[in-house]
Amino acid sequence: MGVWPYLAAGWILLVALYGLVTSRNLIHAIGCLAVAQSSTYVLLLAVGYRDHSTAPVFSDLRPGSRPVVDPIVQALALTDIVVGATVTALLLALTIQLRKRHGTVDPESLTALRG
């Protein structure tokens, strides 16, 4: 598989960071954060991938008969997806409350939040 998944993960992260920096809308920024987190999915899957391996969940596999992918990395990727969905939902709920209280989702217009 080589270096391509790592490059793809880096590219996805850079695109998301660019969108986050140039965002003028909190909803857009939350979307960019979700895309940035998806780069970690690609990275984790690249770390755990092995050529000609199978998933370690089959019960008919004898230990050592065939190579299997790393189940820890798969569990980390699933945990990352769940945490990402939760954080995105929480941020969207906070953005809705900001919109209700201040009437905008533009970070520059939220002057009442400045310290």
PDB file of N, CA and C in Angstrom:
ATOM      1  N   MET A   1       0.833  -1.191   0.000  1.00  0.00           N
ATOM      2  CA  MET A   1       0.000   0.000   0.000  1.00  0.00           C
ATOM      3  C   MET A   1       0.868   1.241   0.000  1.00  0.00           C
ATOM      4  N   GLY A   2       1.981   1.186   0.659  1.00  0.00           N
ATOM      5  CA  GLY A   2       2.942   2.258   0.581  1.00  0.00           C
ATOM      6  C   GLY A   2       2.588   3.491   1.387  1.00  0.00           C
ATOM      7  N   VAL A   3       2.995   4.618   0.840  1.00  0.00           N
ATOM      8  CA  VAL A   3       2.887   5.878   1.557  1.00  0.00           C
ATOM      9  C   VAL A   3       1.609   6.643   1.210  1.00  0.00           C
ATOM     10  N   TRP A   4       0.845   6.168   0.223  1.00  0.00           N
ATOM     11  CA  TRP A   4      -0.324   6.907  -0.264  1.00  0.00           C
ATOM     12  C   TRP A   4      -1.382   7.170   0.795  1.00  0.00           C
ATOM     13  N   PRO A   5      -1.731   6.214   1.640  1.00  0.00           N
ATOM     14  CA  PRO A   5      -2.743   6.537   2.663  1.00  0.00           C
ATOM     15  C   PRO A   5      -2.289   7.627   3.628  1.00  0.00           C
ATOM     16  N   TYR A   6      -1.007   7.630   3.933  1.00  0.00           N
ATOM     17  CA  TYR A   6      -0.493   8.663   4.835  1.00  0.00           C
ATOM     18  C   TYR A   6      -0.545  10.035   4.161  1.00  0.00           C
ATOM     19  N   LEU A   7      -0.221  10.068   2.875  1.00  0.00           N
ATOM     20  CA  LEU A   7      -0.322  11.325   2.137  1.00  0.00           C
ATOM     21  C   LEU A   7      -1.774  11.783   2.019  1.00  0.00           C
ATOM     22  N   ALA A   8      -2.670  10.826   1.792  1.00  0.00           N
ATOM     23  CA  ALA A   8      -4.088  11.179   1.704  1.00  0.00           C
ATOM     24  C   ALA A   8      -4.595  11.734   3.038  1.00  0.00           C
ATOM     25  N   ALA A   9      -4.172  11.122   4.139  1.00  0.00           N
ATOM     26  CA  ALA A   9      -4.580  11.621   5.459  1.00  0.00           C
ATOM     27  C   ALA A   9      -4.045  13.030   5.689  1.00  0.00           C
ATOM     28  N   GLY A  10      -2.807  13.271   5.299  1.00  0.00           N
ATOM     29  CA  GLY A  10      -2.247  14.612   5.444  1.00  0.00           C
ATOM     30  C   GLY A  10      -2.955  15.619   4.563  1.00  0.00           C
ATOM     31  N   TRP A  11      -3.290  15.223   3.345  1.00  0.00           N
ATOM     32  CA  TRP A  11      -3.996  16.129   2.434  1.00  0.00           C
ATOM     33  C   TRP A  11      -5.383  16.458   2.971  1.00  0.00           C
ATOM     34  N   ILE A  12      -6.101  15.460   3.461  1.00  0.00           N
ATOM     35  CA  ILE A  12      -7.432  15.706   4.030  1.00  0.00           C
ATOM     36  C   ILE A  12      -7.332  16.657   5.215  1.00  0.00           C
ATOM     37  N   LEU A  13      -6.320  16.466   6.039  1.00  0.00           N
ATOM     38  CA  LEU A  13      -6.139  17.341   7.198  1.00  0.00           C
ATOM     39  C   LEU A  13      -5.826  18.769   6.760  1.00  0.00           C
ATOM     40  N   LEU A  14      -4.977  18.928   5.760  1.00  0.00           N
ATOM     41  CA  LEU A  14      -4.637  20.275   5.288  1.00  0.00           C
ATOM     42  C   LEU A  14      -5.841  20.984   4.674  1.00  0.00           C
ATOM     43  N   VAL A  15      -6.622  20.273   3.895  1.00  0.00           N
ATOM     44  CA  VAL A  15      -7.825  20.866   3.297  1.00  0.00           C
ATOM     45  C   VAL A  15      -8.798  21.295   4.392  1.00  0.00           C
ATOM     46  N   ALA A  16      -8.956  20.459   5.398  1.00  0.00           N
ATOM     47  CA  ALA A  16      -9.867  20.798   6.493  1.00  0.00           C
ATOM     48  C   ALA A  16      -9.348  21.996   7.284  1.00  0.00           C
ATOM     49  N   LEU A  17      -8.063  22.061   7.526  1.00  0.00           N
ATOM     50  CA  LEU A  17      -7.507  23.199   8.253  1.00  0.00           C
ATOM     51  C   LEU A  17      -7.644  24.488   7.458  1.00  0.00           C
ATOM     52  N   TYR A  18      -7.452  24.412   6.137  1.00  0.00           N
ATOM     53  CA  TYR A  18      -7.659  25.588   5.299  1.00  0.00           C
ATOM     54  C   TYR A  18      -9.103  26.074   5.386  1.00  0.00           C
ATOM     55  N   GLY A  19     -10.044  25.132   5.312  1.00  0.00           N
ATOM     56  CA  GLY A  19     -11.455  25.503   5.430  1.00  0.00           C
ATOM     57  C   GLY A  19     -11.779  26.077   6.790  1.00  0.00           C
ATOM     58  N   LEU A  20     -11.152  25.536   7.814  1.00  0.00           N
ATOM     59  CA  LEU A  20     -11.396  26.030   9.168  1.00  0.00           C
ATOM     60  C   LEU A  20     -10.860  27.441   9.352  1.00  0.00           C
ATOM     61  N   VAL A  21      -9.693  27.704   8.809  1.00  0.00           N
ATOM     62  CA  VAL A  21      -9.082  29.026   8.960  1.00  0.00           C
ATOM     63  C   VAL A  21      -9.851  30.078   8.173  1.00  0.00           C
ATOM     64  N   THR A  22     -10.341  29.726   7.009  1.00  0.00           N
ATOM     65  CA  THR A  22     -11.031  30.693   6.154  1.00  0.00           C
ATOM     66  C   THR A  22     -12.537  30.738   6.388  1.00  0.00           C
ATOM     67  N   SER A  23     -13.041  29.995   7.358  1.00  0.00           N
ATOM     68  CA  SER A  23     -14.480  29.903   7.577  1.00  0.00           C
ATOM     69  C   SER A  23     -15.030  31.177   8.212  1.00  0.00           C
ATOM     70  N   ARG A  24     -16.188  31.607   7.734  1.00  0.00           N
ATOM     71  CA  ARG A  24     -16.895  32.759   8.301  1.00  0.00           C
ATOM     72  C   ARG A  24     -18.251  32.326   8.851  1.00  0.00           C
ATOM     73  N   ASN A  25     -18.410  31.034   9.058  1.00  0.00           N
ATOM     74  CA  ASN A  25     -19.664  30.486   9.537  1.00  0.00           C
ATOM     75  C   ASN A  25     -19.337  29.327  10.475  1.00  0.00           C
ATOM     76  N   LEU A  26     -19.963  29.312  11.641  1.00  0.00           N
ATOM     77  CA  LEU A  26     -19.647  28.265  12.612  1.00  0.00           C
ATOM     78  C   LEU A  26     -20.066  26.881  12.125  1.00  0.00           C
ATOM     79  N   ILE A  27     -21.148  26.798  11.373  1.00  0.00           N
ATOM     80  CA  ILE A  27     -21.580  25.506  10.830  1.00  0.00           C
ATOM     81  C   ILE A  27     -20.514  24.977   9.873  1.00  0.00           C
ATOM     82  N   HIS A  28     -19.987  25.852   9.043  1.00  0.00           N
ATOM     83  CA  HIS A  28     -18.928  25.465   8.119  1.00  0.00           C
ATOM     84  C   HIS A  28     -17.678  25.034   8.882  1.00  0.00           C
ATOM     85  N   ALA A  29     -17.366  25.744   9.949  1.00  0.00           N
ATOM     86  CA  ALA A  29     -16.189  25.390  10.753  1.00  0.00           C
ATOM     87  C   ALA A  29     -16.363  24.018  11.402  1.00  0.00           C
ATOM     88  N   ILE A  30     -17.575  23.711  11.854  1.00  0.00           N
ATOM     89  CA  ILE A  30     -17.821  22.398  12.455  1.00  0.00           C
ATOM     90  C   ILE A  30     -17.678  21.296  11.396  1.00  0.00           C
ATOM     91  N   GLY A  31     -18.156  21.577  10.192  1.00  0.00           N
ATOM     92  CA  GLY A  31     -17.967  20.625   9.096  1.00  0.00           C
ATOM     93  C   GLY A  31     -16.498  20.398   8.793  1.00  0.00           C
ATOM     94  N   CYS A  32     -15.719  21.476   8.832  1.00  0.00           N
ATOM     95  CA  CYS A  32     -14.279  21.357   8.593  1.00  0.00           C
ATOM     96  C   CYS A  32     -13.607  20.544   9.701  1.00  0.00           C
ATOM     97  N   LEU A  33     -14.056  20.720  10.940  1.00  0.00           N
ATOM     98  CA  LEU A  33     -13.519  19.904  12.032  1.00  0.00           C
ATOM     99  C   LEU A  33     -13.833  18.428  11.828  1.00  0.00           C
ATOM    100  N   ALA A  34     -15.035  18.136  11.340  1.00  0.00           N
ATOM    101  CA  ALA A  34     -15.409  16.741  11.081  1.00  0.00           C
ATOM    102  C   ALA A  34     -14.547  16.150   9.968  1.00  0.00           C
ATOM    103  N   VAL A  35     -14.257  16.953   8.951  1.00  0.00           N
ATOM    104  CA  VAL A  35     -13.386  16.468   7.869  1.00  0.00           C
ATOM    105  C   VAL A  35     -11.965  16.258   8.395  1.00  0.00           C
ATOM    106  N   ALA A  36     -11.508  17.170   9.253  1.00  0.00           N
ATOM    107  CA  ALA A  36     -10.171  17.005   9.840  1.00  0.00           C
ATOM    108  C   ALA A  36     -10.091  15.725  10.650  1.00  0.00           C
ATOM    109  N   GLN A  37     -11.153  15.417  11.353  1.00  0.00           N
ATOM    110  CA  GLN A  37     -11.135  14.182  12.123  1.00  0.00           C
ATOM    111  C   GLN A  37     -11.189  12.958  11.214  1.00  0.00           C
ATOM    112  N   SER A  38     -11.804  13.090  10.062  1.00  0.00           N
ATOM    113  CA  SER A  38     -11.837  11.940   9.154  1.00  0.00           C
ATOM    114  C   SER A  38     -10.444  11.585   8.646  1.00  0.00           C
ATOM    115  N   SER A  39      -9.540  12.537   8.677  1.00  0.00           N
ATOM    116  CA  SER A  39      -8.164  12.200   8.289  1.00  0.00           C
ATOM    117  C   SER A  39      -7.551  11.221   9.287  1.00  0.00           C
ATOM    118  N   THR A  40      -7.993  11.273  10.544  1.00  0.00           N
ATOM    119  CA  THR A  40      -7.475  10.308  11.516  1.00  0.00           C
ATOM    120  C   THR A  40      -8.008   8.909  11.234  1.00  0.00           C
ATOM    121  N   TYR A  41      -9.208   8.821  10.644  1.00  0.00           N
ATOM    122  CA  TYR A  41      -9.723   7.499  10.268  1.00  0.00           C
ATOM    123  C   TYR A  41      -8.808   6.870   9.219  1.00  0.00           C
ATOM    124  N   VAL A  42      -8.470   7.666   8.225  1.00  0.00           N
ATOM    125  CA  VAL A  42      -7.605   7.157   7.154  1.00  0.00           C
ATOM    126  C   VAL A  42      -6.242   6.771   7.726  1.00  0.00           C
ATOM    127  N   LEU A  43      -5.733   7.595   8.625  1.00  0.00           N
ATOM    128  CA  LEU A  43      -4.430   7.313   9.219  1.00  0.00           C
ATOM    129  C   LEU A  43      -4.469   6.024  10.048  1.00  0.00           C
ATOM    130  N   LEU A  44      -5.505   5.863  10.853  1.00  0.00           N
ATOM    131  CA  LEU A  44      -5.596   4.654  11.668  1.00  0.00           C
ATOM    132  C   LEU A  44      -5.758   3.408  10.800  1.00  0.00           C
ATOM    133  N   LEU A  45      -6.566   3.504   9.753  1.00  0.00           N
ATOM    134  CA  LEU A  45      -6.730   2.346   8.874  1.00  0.00           C
ATOM    135  C   LEU A  45      -5.440   2.026   8.135  1.00  0.00           C
ATOM    136  N   ALA A  46      -4.668   3.048   7.789  1.00  0.00           N
ATOM    137  CA  ALA A  46      -3.386   2.809   7.126  1.00  0.00           C
ATOM    138  C   ALA A  46      -2.396   2.146   8.068  1.00  0.00           C
ATOM    139  N   VAL A  47      -2.429   2.522   9.314  1.00  0.00           N
ATOM    140  CA  VAL A  47      -1.508   1.927  10.288  1.00  0.00           C
ATOM    141  C   VAL A  47      -1.850   0.453  10.516  1.00  0.00           C
ATOM    142  N   GLY A  48      -3.142   0.122  10.573  1.00  0.00           N
ATOM    143  CA  GLY A  48      -3.538  -1.239  10.887  1.00  0.00           C
ATOM    144  C   GLY A  48      -3.641  -2.172   9.702  1.00  0.00           C
ATOM    145  N   TYR A  49      -3.507  -1.659   8.482  1.00  0.00           N
ATOM    146  CA  TYR A  49      -3.672  -2.502   7.284  1.00  0.00           C
ATOM    147  C   TYR A  49      -2.470  -3.401   7.077  1.00  0.00           C
ATOM    148  N   ARG A  50      -2.744  -4.641   6.696  1.00  0.00           N
ATOM    149  CA  ARG A  50      -1.691  -5.581   6.305  1.00  0.00           C
ATOM    150  C   ARG A  50      -2.122  -6.238   5.004  1.00  0.00           C
ATOM    151  N   ASP A  51      -1.187  -6.393   4.085  1.00  0.00           N
ATOM    152  CA  ASP A  51      -1.497  -7.031   2.806  1.00  0.00           C
ATOM    153  C   ASP A  51      -1.922  -8.485   3.017  1.00  0.00           C
ATOM    154  N   HIS A  52      -2.919  -8.915   2.256  1.00  0.00           N
ATOM    155  CA  HIS A  52      -3.412 -10.294   2.252  1.00  0.00           C
ATOM    156  C   HIS A  52      -3.829 -10.775   3.636  1.00  0.00           C
ATOM    157  N   SER A  53      -4.349  -9.879   4.434  1.00  0.00           N
ATOM    158  CA  SER A  53      -4.821 -10.251   5.770  1.00  0.00           C
ATOM    159  C   SER A  53      -6.333 -10.239   5.803  1.00  0.00           C
ATOM    160  N   THR A  54      -6.868 -10.832   6.824  1.00  0.00           N
ATOM    161  CA  THR A  54      -8.306 -10.892   6.980  1.00  0.00           C
ATOM    162  C   THR A  54      -8.701 -10.260   8.310  1.00  0.00           C
ATOM    163  N   ALA A  55      -9.991 -10.036   8.455  1.00  0.00           N
ATOM    164  CA  ALA A  55     -10.483  -9.473   9.712  1.00  0.00           C
ATOM    165  C   ALA A  55     -10.360 -10.516  10.816  1.00  0.00           C
ATOM    166  N   PRO A  56     -10.038 -10.110  12.019  1.00  0.00           N
ATOM    167  CA  PRO A  56      -9.821 -11.087  13.094  1.00  0.00           C
ATOM    168  C   PRO A  56     -11.108 -11.533  13.773  1.00  0.00           C
ATOM    169  N   VAL A  57     -12.251 -11.284  13.166  1.00  0.00           N
ATOM    170  CA  VAL A  57     -13.513 -11.613  13.818  1.00  0.00           C
ATOM    171  C   VAL A  57     -14.073 -12.959  13.394  1.00  0.00           C
ATOM    172  N   PHE A  58     -13.464 -13.638  12.426  1.00  0.00           N
ATOM    173  CA  PHE A  58     -13.975 -14.920  11.975  1.00  0.00           C
ATOM    174  C   PHE A  58     -13.635 -15.994  12.998  1.00  0.00           C
ATOM    175  N   SER A  59     -14.635 -16.787  13.363  1.00  0.00           N
ATOM    176  CA  SER A  59     -14.410 -17.798  14.386  1.00  0.00           C
ATOM    177  C   SER A  59     -13.734 -19.050  13.838  1.00  0.00           C
ATOM    178  N   ASP A  60     -13.719 -19.229  12.512  1.00  0.00           N
ATOM    179  CA  ASP A  60     -13.106 -20.430  11.957  1.00  0.00           C
ATOM    180  C   ASP A  60     -11.602 -20.295  11.766  1.00  0.00           C
ATOM    181  N   LEU A  61     -11.023 -19.193  12.156  1.00  0.00           N
ATOM    182  CA  LEU A  61      -9.577 -18.999  12.030  1.00  0.00           C
ATOM    183  C   LEU A  61      -8.864 -19.667  13.196  1.00  0.00           C
ATOM    184  N   ARG A  62      -7.867 -20.473  12.863  1.00  0.00           N
ATOM    185  CA  ARG A  62      -7.008 -20.984  13.915  1.00  0.00           C
ATOM    186  C   ARG A  62      -5.912 -19.960  14.147  1.00  0.00           C
ATOM    187  N   PRO A  63      -5.481 -19.781  15.345  1.00  0.00           N
ATOM    188  CA  PRO A  63      -4.407 -18.817  15.615  1.00  0.00           C
ATOM    189  C   PRO A  63      -3.154 -19.157  14.823  1.00  0.00           C
ATOM    190  N   GLY A  64      -2.671 -18.201  14.085  1.00  0.00           N
ATOM    191  CA  GLY A  64      -1.455 -18.364  13.295  1.00  0.00           C
ATOM    192  C   GLY A  64      -1.662 -18.956  11.928  1.00  0.00           C
ATOM    193  N   SER A  65      -2.909 -19.324  11.540  1.00  0.00           N
ATOM    194  CA  SER A  65      -3.138 -19.947  10.239  1.00  0.00           C
ATOM    195  C   SER A  65      -3.091 -18.930   9.104  1.00  0.00           C
ATOM    196  N   ARG A  66      -3.617 -17.730   9.333  1.00  0.00           N
ATOM    197  CA  ARG A  66      -3.592 -16.672   8.326  1.00  0.00           C
ATOM    198  C   ARG A  66      -3.284 -15.359   9.029  1.00  0.00           C
ATOM    199  N   PRO A  67      -2.658 -14.438   8.306  1.00  0.00           N
ATOM    200  CA  PRO A  67      -2.411 -13.137   8.935  1.00  0.00           C
ATOM    201  C   PRO A  67      -3.718 -12.371   9.069  1.00  0.00           C
ATOM    202  N   VAL A  68      -3.837 -11.654  10.144  1.00  0.00           N
ATOM    203  CA  VAL A  68      -5.022 -10.839  10.394  1.00  0.00           C
ATOM    204  C   VAL A  68      -4.584  -9.397  10.620  1.00  0.00           C
ATOM    205  N   VAL A  69      -5.511  -8.490  10.370  1.00  0.00           N
ATOM    206  CA  VAL A  69      -5.216  -7.082  10.611  1.00  0.00           C
ATOM    207  C   VAL A  69      -5.242  -6.823  12.117  1.00  0.00           C
ATOM    208  N   ASP A  70      -4.678  -5.705  12.506  1.00  0.00           N
ATOM    209  CA  ASP A  70      -4.587  -5.376  13.921  1.00  0.00           C
ATOM    210  C   ASP A  70      -5.961  -4.960  14.449  1.00  0.00           C
ATOM    211  N   PRO A  71      -6.561  -5.716  15.367  1.00  0.00           N
ATOM    212  CA  PRO A  71      -7.891  -5.357  15.858  1.00  0.00           C
ATOM    213  C   PRO A  71      -7.889  -4.121  16.749  1.00  0.00           C
ATOM    214  N   ILE A  72      -6.758  -3.813  17.351  1.00  0.00           N
ATOM    215  CA  ILE A  72      -6.698  -2.635  18.218  1.00  0.00           C
ATOM    216  C   ILE A  72      -6.907  -1.365  17.394  1.00  0.00           C
ATOM    217  N   VAL A  73      -6.275  -1.318  16.245  1.00  0.00           N
ATOM    218  CA  VAL A  73      -6.410  -0.136  15.397  1.00  0.00           C
ATOM    219  C   VAL A  73      -7.830  -0.007  14.871  1.00  0.00           C
ATOM    220  N   GLN A  74      -8.460  -1.123  14.553  1.00  0.00           N
ATOM    221  CA  GLN A  74      -9.858  -1.078  14.126  1.00  0.00           C
ATOM    222  C   GLN A  74     -10.744  -0.572  15.248  1.00  0.00           C
ATOM    223  N   ALA A  75     -10.492  -1.018  16.470  1.00  0.00           N
ATOM    224  CA  ALA A  75     -11.280  -0.540  17.613  1.00  0.00           C
ATOM    225  C   ALA A  75     -11.044   0.950  17.837  1.00  0.00           C
ATOM    226  N   LEU A  76      -9.818   1.398  17.650  1.00  0.00           N
ATOM    227  CA  LEU A  76      -9.538   2.824  17.793  1.00  0.00           C
ATOM    228  C   LEU A  76     -10.264   3.637  16.726  1.00  0.00           C
ATOM    229  N   ALA A  77     -10.312   3.122  15.499  1.00  0.00           N
ATOM    230  CA  ALA A  77     -11.009   3.833  14.424  1.00  0.00           C
ATOM    231  C   ALA A  77     -12.506   3.924  14.724  1.00  0.00           C
ATOM    232  N   LEU A  78     -13.092   2.839  15.209  1.00  0.00           N
ATOM    233  CA  LEU A  78     -14.519   2.884  15.562  1.00  0.00           C
ATOM    234  C   LEU A  78     -14.777   3.847  16.715  1.00  0.00           C
ATOM    235  N   THR A  79     -13.898   3.841  17.700  1.00  0.00           N
ATOM    236  CA  THR A  79     -14.035   4.780  18.816  1.00  0.00           C
ATOM    237  C   THR A  79     -13.895   6.211  18.322  1.00  0.00           C
ATOM    238  N   ASP A  80     -12.978   6.427  17.404  1.00  0.00           N
ATOM    239  CA  ASP A  80     -12.784   7.758  16.832  1.00  0.00           C
ATOM    240  C   ASP A  80     -14.036   8.235  16.101  1.00  0.00           C
ATOM    241  N   ILE A  81     -14.686   7.337  15.394  1.00  0.00           N
ATOM    242  CA  ILE A  81     -15.916   7.701  14.676  1.00  0.00           C
ATOM    243  C   ILE A  81     -17.014   8.083  15.664  1.00  0.00           C
ATOM    244  N   VAL A  82     -17.159   7.315  16.726  1.00  0.00           N
ATOM    245  CA  VAL A  82     -18.204   7.599  17.716  1.00  0.00           C
ATOM    246  C   VAL A  82     -17.924   8.924  18.425  1.00  0.00           C
ATOM    247  N   VAL A  83     -16.692   9.137  18.825  1.00  0.00           N
ATOM    248  CA  VAL A  83     -16.343  10.390  19.497  1.00  0.00           C
ATOM    249  C   VAL A  83     -16.534  11.575  18.546  1.00  0.00           C
ATOM    250  N   GLY A  84     -16.159  11.398  17.297  1.00  0.00           N
ATOM    251  CA  GLY A  84     -16.323  12.468  16.312  1.00  0.00           C
ATOM    252  C   GLY A  84     -17.780  12.833  16.104  1.00  0.00           C
ATOM    253  N   ALA A  85     -18.641  11.832  16.019  1.00  0.00           N
ATOM    254  CA  ALA A  85     -20.071  12.117  15.855  1.00  0.00           C
ATOM    255  C   ALA A  85     -20.632  12.828  17.077  1.00  0.00           C
ATOM    256  N   THR A  86     -20.177  12.426  18.244  1.00  0.00           N
ATOM    257  CA  THR A  86     -20.658  13.046  19.476  1.00  0.00           C
ATOM    258  C   THR A  86     -20.206  14.502  19.574  1.00  0.00           C
ATOM    259  N   VAL A  87     -18.950  14.745  19.279  1.00  0.00           N
ATOM    260  CA  VAL A  87     -18.428  16.109  19.354  1.00  0.00           C
ATOM    261  C   VAL A  87     -19.111  16.999  18.318  1.00  0.00           C
ATOM    262  N   THR A  88     -19.324  16.465  17.130  1.00  0.00           N
ATOM    263  CA  THR A  88     -20.007  17.244  16.092  1.00  0.00           C
ATOM    264  C   THR A  88     -21.433  17.586  16.522  1.00  0.00           C
ATOM    265  N   ALA A  89     -22.138  16.635  17.096  1.00  0.00           N
ATOM    266  CA  ALA A  89     -23.506  16.905  17.560  1.00  0.00           C
ATOM    267  C   ALA A  89     -23.508  17.949  18.666  1.00  0.00           C
ATOM    268  N   LEU A  90     -22.555  17.864  19.580  1.00  0.00           N
ATOM    269  CA  LEU A  90     -22.483  18.841  20.662  1.00  0.00           C
ATOM    270  C   LEU A  90     -22.178  20.236  20.131  1.00  0.00           C
ATOM    271  N   LEU A  91     -21.243  20.335  19.210  1.00  0.00           N
ATOM    272  CA  LEU A  91     -20.901  21.636  18.634  1.00  0.00           C
ATOM    273  C   LEU A  91     -22.065  22.228  17.836  1.00  0.00           C
ATOM    274  N   LEU A  92     -22.785  21.391  17.118  1.00  0.00           N
ATOM    275  CA  LEU A  92     -23.952  21.887  16.383  1.00  0.00           C
ATOM    276  C   LEU A  92     -25.036  22.368  17.342  1.00  0.00           C
ATOM    277  N   ALA A  93     -25.220  21.671  18.461  1.00  0.00           N
ATOM    278  CA  ALA A  93     -26.207  22.118  19.455  1.00  0.00           C
ATOM    279  C   ALA A  93     -25.793  23.461  20.055  1.00  0.00           C
ATOM    280  N   LEU A  94     -24.510  23.620  20.335  1.00  0.00           N
ATOM    281  CA  LEU A  94     -24.032  24.902  20.859  1.00  0.00           C
ATOM    282  C   LEU A  94     -24.195  26.016  19.828  1.00  0.00           C
ATOM    283  N   THR A  95     -23.987  25.698  18.575  1.00  0.00           N
ATOM    284  CA  THR A  95     -24.152  26.695  17.517  1.00  0.00           C
ATOM    285  C   THR A  95     -25.612  27.112  17.385  1.00  0.00           C
ATOM    286  N   ILE A  96     -26.512  26.167  17.532  1.00  0.00           N
ATOM    287  CA  ILE A  96     -27.942  26.508  17.498  1.00  0.00           C
ATOM    288  C   ILE A  96     -28.283  27.448  18.645  1.00  0.00           C
ATOM    289  N   GLN A  97     -27.748  27.189  19.809  1.00  0.00           N
ATOM    290  CA  GLN A  97     -28.011  28.080  20.953  1.00  0.00           C
ATOM    291  C   GLN A  97     -27.413  29.465  20.720  1.00  0.00           C
ATOM    292  N   LEU A  98     -26.229  29.526  20.126  1.00  0.00           N
ATOM    293  CA  LEU A  98     -25.632  30.824  19.788  1.00  0.00           C
ATOM    294  C   LEU A  98     -26.505  31.584  18.798  1.00  0.00           C
ATOM    295  N   ARG A  99     -27.018  30.887  17.822  1.00  0.00           N
ATOM    296  CA  ARG A  99     -27.881  31.513  16.815  1.00  0.00           C
ATOM    297  C   ARG A  99     -29.155  32.051  17.465  1.00  0.00           C
ATOM    298  N   LYS A 100     -29.717  31.290  18.393  1.00  0.00           N
ATOM    299  CA  LYS A 100     -30.930  31.737  19.069  1.00  0.00           C
ATOM    300  C   LYS A 100     -30.660  32.975  19.926  1.00  0.00           C
ATOM    301  N   ARG A 101     -29.522  33.026  20.603  1.00  0.00           N
ATOM    302  CA  ARG A 101     -29.249  34.120  21.536  1.00  0.00           C
ATOM    303  C   ARG A 101     -28.684  35.360  20.867  1.00  0.00           C
ATOM    304  N   HIS A 102     -27.875  35.161  19.827  1.00  0.00           N
ATOM    305  CA  HIS A 102     -27.199  36.308  19.215  1.00  0.00           C
ATOM    306  C   HIS A 102     -27.638  36.595  17.785  1.00  0.00           C
ATOM    307  N   GLY A 103     -28.372  35.683  17.165  1.00  0.00           N
ATOM    308  CA  GLY A 103     -28.904  35.929  15.840  1.00  0.00           C
ATOM    309  C   GLY A 103     -27.912  35.766  14.705  1.00  0.00           C
ATOM    310  N   THR A 104     -26.744  35.213  14.965  1.00  0.00           N
ATOM    311  CA  THR A 104     -25.766  35.021  13.906  1.00  0.00           C
ATOM    312  C   THR A 104     -24.882  33.820  14.238  1.00  0.00           C
ATOM    313  N   VAL A 105     -24.267  33.270  13.187  1.00  0.00           N
ATOM    314  CA  VAL A 105     -23.283  32.208  13.373  1.00  0.00           C
ATOM    315  C   VAL A 105     -21.924  32.639  12.823  1.00  0.00           C
ATOM    316  N   ASP A 106     -21.779  33.936  12.561  1.00  0.00           N
ATOM    317  CA  ASP A 106     -20.506  34.478  12.099  1.00  0.00           C
ATOM    318  C   ASP A 106     -19.614  34.747  13.314  1.00  0.00           C
ATOM    319  N   PRO A 107     -18.459  34.123  13.408  1.00  0.00           N
ATOM    320  CA  PRO A 107     -17.615  34.323  14.586  1.00  0.00           C
ATOM    321  C   PRO A 107     -17.170  35.768  14.770  1.00  0.00           C
ATOM    322  N   GLU A 108     -17.015  36.509  13.681  1.00  0.00           N
ATOM    323  CA  GLU A 108     -16.584  37.900  13.795  1.00  0.00           C
ATOM    324  C   GLU A 108     -17.695  38.791  14.352  1.00  0.00           C
ATOM    325  N   SER A 109     -18.948  38.397  14.149  1.00  0.00           N
ATOM    326  CA  SER A 109     -20.074  39.196  14.615  1.00  0.00           C
ATOM    327  C   SER A 109     -20.459  38.909  16.057  1.00  0.00           C
ATOM    328  N   LEU A 110     -19.873  37.909  16.649  1.00  0.00           N
ATOM    329  CA  LEU A 110     -20.207  37.557  18.025  1.00  0.00           C
ATOM    330  C   LEU A 110     -19.361  38.389  18.978  1.00  0.00           C
ATOM    331  N   THR A 111     -19.578  39.675  18.962  1.00  0.00           N
ATOM    332  CA  THR A 111     -18.769  40.580  19.790  1.00  0.00           C
ATOM    333  C   THR A 111     -19.086  40.445  21.263  1.00  0.00           C
ATOM    334  N   ALA A 112     -20.285  39.969  21.593  1.00  0.00           N
ATOM    335  CA  ALA A 112     -20.645  39.827  23.006  1.00  0.00           C
ATOM    336  C   ALA A 112     -19.836  38.737  23.687  1.00  0.00           C
ATOM    337  N   LEU A 113     -19.224  37.854  22.913  1.00  0.00           N
ATOM    338  CA  LEU A 113     -18.445  36.761  23.488  1.00  0.00           C
ATOM    339  C   LEU A 113     -16.986  37.137  23.714  1.00  0.00           C
ATOM    340  N   ARG A 114     -16.566  38.306  23.282  1.00  0.00           N
ATOM    341  CA  ARG A 114     -15.166  38.699  23.455  1.00  0.00           C
ATOM    342  C   ARG A 114     -14.907  39.083  24.907  1.00  0.00           C
ATOM    343  N   GLY A 115     -13.730  38.758  25.390  1.00  0.00           N
ATOM    344  CA  GLY A 115     -13.405  39.026  26.788  1.00  0.00           C
ATOM    345  C   GLY A 115     -12.842  40.382  27.042  1.00  0.00           C
TER     346      GLY A 115
END
